Amino acid sequence: KAVAFFRTPFWEKAGASGVSQTAGPFSIWWEGGAGSTHAEQPALVGLGVGEEVCKALAPYSETGVDDESAPQVRDMVKAALGSIYGKDVIEAELKSVRHKCWGT
């Protein structure tokens, strides 16, 4: 599971809900929290399932859930969401990524 925090809820401005499906370890995405309607930090949550996902994330899963994820995980998130919203948008908007691998 990954949480990508953004500067603005850019998907809302584009009329999107934030729910999407992408390739890569995090394949299902949705808006995290209540978003801008409750003054929460804009975020999208990604979920990946299966042994392959756990293997891909295992080298980067030693950090705590409150710690910034490794640059490699950030790159995975940028690639997945960039394929939907545009690489330049994600690059400009992404503030931080946190992830947790629940299986090994």
Protein backbone atom coordinates (compact mmCIF):
# COMPACT_ATOMS: atom_id res chain seq x y z
CA LYS A 1 0.00 0.00 0.00
CA ALA A 2 1.30 3.46 -0.84
CA VAL A 3 0.10 6.94 -0.02
CA ALA A 4 1.16 9.73 -2.36
CA PHE A 5 0.75 13.23 -0.90
CA PHE A 6 0.27 16.16 -3.27
CA ARG A 7 0.40 19.97 -3.18
CA THR A 8 -3.16 20.26 -4.55
CA PRO A 9 -6.00 17.85 -5.38
CA PHE A 10 -5.27 18.31 -9.09
CA TRP A 11 -7.49 15.33 -10.00
CA GLU A 12 -10.53 17.12 -8.53
CA LYS A 13 -9.81 20.21 -10.60
CA ALA A 14 -9.80 17.97 -13.68
CA GLY A 15 -13.19 16.50 -12.69
CA ALA A 16 -11.74 13.11 -11.74
CA SER A 17 -12.48 11.14 -8.57
CA GLY A 18 -8.94 9.85 -8.12
CA VAL A 19 -10.07 6.26 -8.66
CA SER A 20 -7.95 4.60 -11.32
CA GLN A 21 -6.16 1.46 -12.38
CA THR A 22 -2.52 1.47 -13.47
CA ALA A 23 0.29 -0.90 -14.35
CA GLY A 24 3.03 -1.52 -11.83
CA PRO A 25 3.23 -2.62 -8.26
CA PHE A 26 0.49 -0.24 -7.10
CA SER A 27 -2.32 -0.98 -9.52
CA ILE A 28 -5.49 0.39 -7.90
CA TRP A 29 -5.69 4.03 -6.75
CA TRP A 30 -8.29 6.11 -4.88
CA GLU A 31 -8.50 9.41 -3.06
CA GLY A 32 -7.24 9.17 0.50
CA GLY A 33 -9.12 10.95 3.27
CA ALA A 34 -11.76 13.59 2.72
CA GLY A 35 -9.59 15.72 0.43
CA SER A 36 -9.95 19.44 0.06
CA THR A 37 -13.53 19.50 1.37
CA HIS A 38 -12.18 19.00 4.91
CA ALA A 39 -8.83 20.78 4.58
CA GLU A 40 -6.89 17.51 4.62
CA GLN A 41 -3.66 17.06 2.73
CA PRO A 42 -4.48 15.88 -0.80
CA ALA A 43 -3.50 12.24 -1.25
CA LEU A 44 -4.01 9.24 -3.49
CA VAL A 45 -3.71 5.75 -2.04
CA GLY A 46 -2.41 2.88 -4.16
CA LEU A 47 -2.79 -0.82 -3.53
CA GLY A 48 -0.81 -3.67 -5.01
CA VAL A 49 -1.44 -7.34 -4.33
CA GLY A 50 0.42 -10.55 -4.89
CA GLU A 51 3.81 -12.12 -4.42
CA GLU A 52 5.43 -10.17 -7.28
CA VAL A 53 4.48 -6.85 -5.69
CA CYS A 54 5.91 -7.88 -2.34
CA LYS A 55 9.15 -9.00 -4.00
CA ALA A 56 9.44 -5.70 -5.89
CA LEU A 57 8.96 -3.68 -2.68
CA ALA A 58 10.87 -5.88 -0.22
CA PRO A 59 14.23 -4.09 -0.68
CA TYR A 60 12.58 -0.77 0.22
CA SER A 61 10.31 -1.82 3.08
CA GLU A 62 12.59 -1.33 6.08
CA THR A 63 11.40 2.22 6.75
CA GLY A 64 8.61 3.01 9.17
CA VAL A 65 5.16 3.90 7.90
CA ASP A 66 5.74 7.55 8.84
CA ASP A 67 9.05 7.75 6.96
CA GLU A 68 9.47 8.95 3.39
CA SER A 69 9.71 5.99 1.02
CA ALA A 70 12.90 5.23 -0.89
CA PRO A 71 13.43 7.12 -4.16
CA GLN A 72 12.83 3.87 -6.05
CA VAL A 73 9.31 3.59 -4.60
CA ARG A 74 8.65 7.26 -5.35
CA ASP A 75 9.68 6.54 -8.95
CA MET A 76 7.21 3.62 -9.10
CA VAL A 77 4.42 5.92 -7.92
CA LYS A 78 5.40 8.65 -10.37
CA ALA A 79 5.43 6.19 -13.28
CA ALA A 80 2.02 4.74 -12.37
CA LEU A 81 0.21 8.02 -11.79
CA GLY A 82 2.11 9.81 -14.55
CA SER A 83 0.59 7.36 -17.04
CA ILE A 84 -2.87 8.69 -16.10
CA TYR A 85 -2.44 12.33 -15.13
CA GLY A 86 0.73 13.17 -17.04
CA LYS A 87 4.34 12.94 -15.97
CA ASP A 88 4.75 16.72 -15.68
CA VAL A 89 1.68 17.08 -13.46
CA ILE A 90 2.85 14.36 -11.08
CA GLU A 91 6.39 15.75 -10.99
CA ALA A 92 5.10 19.22 -10.10
CA GLU A 93 2.45 18.12 -7.60
CA LEU A 94 3.98 15.17 -5.70
CA LYS A 95 5.23 16.10 -2.23
CA SER A 96 5.99 12.77 -0.60
CA VAL A 97 5.32 9.02 -0.68
CA ARG A 98 4.87 6.61 2.20
CA HIS A 99 4.41 2.88 1.74
CA LYS A 100 3.98 -0.30 3.74
CA CYS A 101 4.44 -3.84 2.49
CA TRP A 102 2.05 -6.07 4.42
CA GLY A 103 3.45 -9.37 3.17
CA THR A 104 6.77 -10.84 2.16
